[in-house]
Amino acid sequence: MRHALTLPYDEFVLRGIKNNNLAALGLYRKLGFREISRRPVRFAKRAGFESYVSMSLSRGDAH
């Protein structure tokens, strides 16, 4: 992930992170990503989650 963040892009967007994947969400937040949306998924509770989270990191946001 650190290598990907060195690539010459102005913004990085991650989509489709399950809301119960706390390890991934924590890592992305630690790297400076911010949640931009949640998309509820019908019948996802059967699979143990409720929504997909999208996160974004703009070059100006990086620390």
Protein backbone atom coordinates (compact mmCIF):
# COMPACT_ATOMS: atom_id res chain seq x y z
CA MET A 1 0.00 0.00 0.00
CA ARG A 2 2.81 2.42 0.80
CA HIS A 3 4.27 1.81 -2.66
CA ALA A 4 0.90 2.44 -4.32
CA LEU A 5 0.69 5.77 -2.50
CA THR A 6 3.97 6.85 -4.11
CA LEU A 7 2.46 6.59 -7.61
CA PRO A 8 1.79 9.89 -9.42
CA TYR A 9 -1.95 10.23 -8.81
CA ASP A 10 -3.79 13.15 -7.26
CA GLU A 11 -6.42 10.97 -5.60
CA PHE A 12 -6.78 7.35 -4.51
CA VAL A 13 -10.23 5.80 -4.06
CA LEU A 14 -10.93 2.47 -2.41
CA ARG A 15 -14.37 0.94 -2.97
CA GLY A 16 -16.15 -2.13 -1.72
CA ILE A 17 -14.63 -2.43 1.77
CA LYS A 18 -17.05 -4.36 3.97
CA ASN A 19 -18.11 -2.27 6.97
CA ASN A 20 -17.14 -5.07 9.36
CA ASN A 21 -13.55 -5.28 8.04
CA LEU A 22 -12.24 -3.19 10.93
CA ALA A 23 -8.60 -4.08 10.31
CA ALA A 24 -8.68 -2.76 6.73
CA LEU A 25 -10.70 0.33 7.64
CA GLY A 26 -8.27 1.10 10.48
CA LEU A 27 -5.24 0.68 8.23
CA TYR A 28 -6.67 2.96 5.55
CA ARG A 29 -7.58 5.61 8.15
CA LYS A 30 -4.06 5.39 9.57
CA LEU A 31 -2.71 6.02 6.06
CA GLY A 32 -4.90 9.12 5.80
CA PHE A 33 -7.92 7.84 3.88
CA ARG A 34 -11.32 9.32 4.71
CA GLU A 35 -14.70 7.67 4.34
CA ILE A 36 -16.64 9.21 1.46
CA SER A 37 -19.68 6.95 1.25
CA ARG A 38 -21.44 3.79 2.38
CA ARG A 39 -23.58 1.67 0.12
CA PRO A 40 -26.08 -0.61 1.83
CA VAL A 41 -26.14 -4.14 0.44
CA ARG A 42 -29.40 -6.02 0.36
CA PHE A 43 -29.25 -9.31 2.25
CA ALA A 44 -25.66 -8.62 3.36
CA LYS A 45 -26.53 -9.27 7.01
CA ARG A 46 -26.68 -12.94 6.07
CA ALA A 47 -23.00 -12.66 5.19
CA GLY A 48 -22.21 -10.73 8.37
CA PHE A 49 -21.95 -7.16 7.11
CA GLU A 50 -24.31 -4.30 6.25
CA SER A 51 -22.67 -2.05 3.69
CA TYR A 52 -19.70 -1.36 1.46
CA VAL A 53 -17.51 1.57 2.43
CA SER A 54 -15.67 3.80 -0.04
CA MET A 55 -12.64 5.78 1.09
CA SER A 56 -10.57 8.47 -0.56
CA LEU A 57 -7.14 10.01 -0.15
CA SER A 58 -6.26 13.20 -2.00
CA ARG A 59 -2.61 14.12 -2.46
CA GLY A 60 -3.19 17.21 -0.30
CA ASP A 61 -4.59 15.00 2.53
CA ALA A 62 -1.56 12.70 2.82
CA HIS A 63 0.57 12.96 5.93
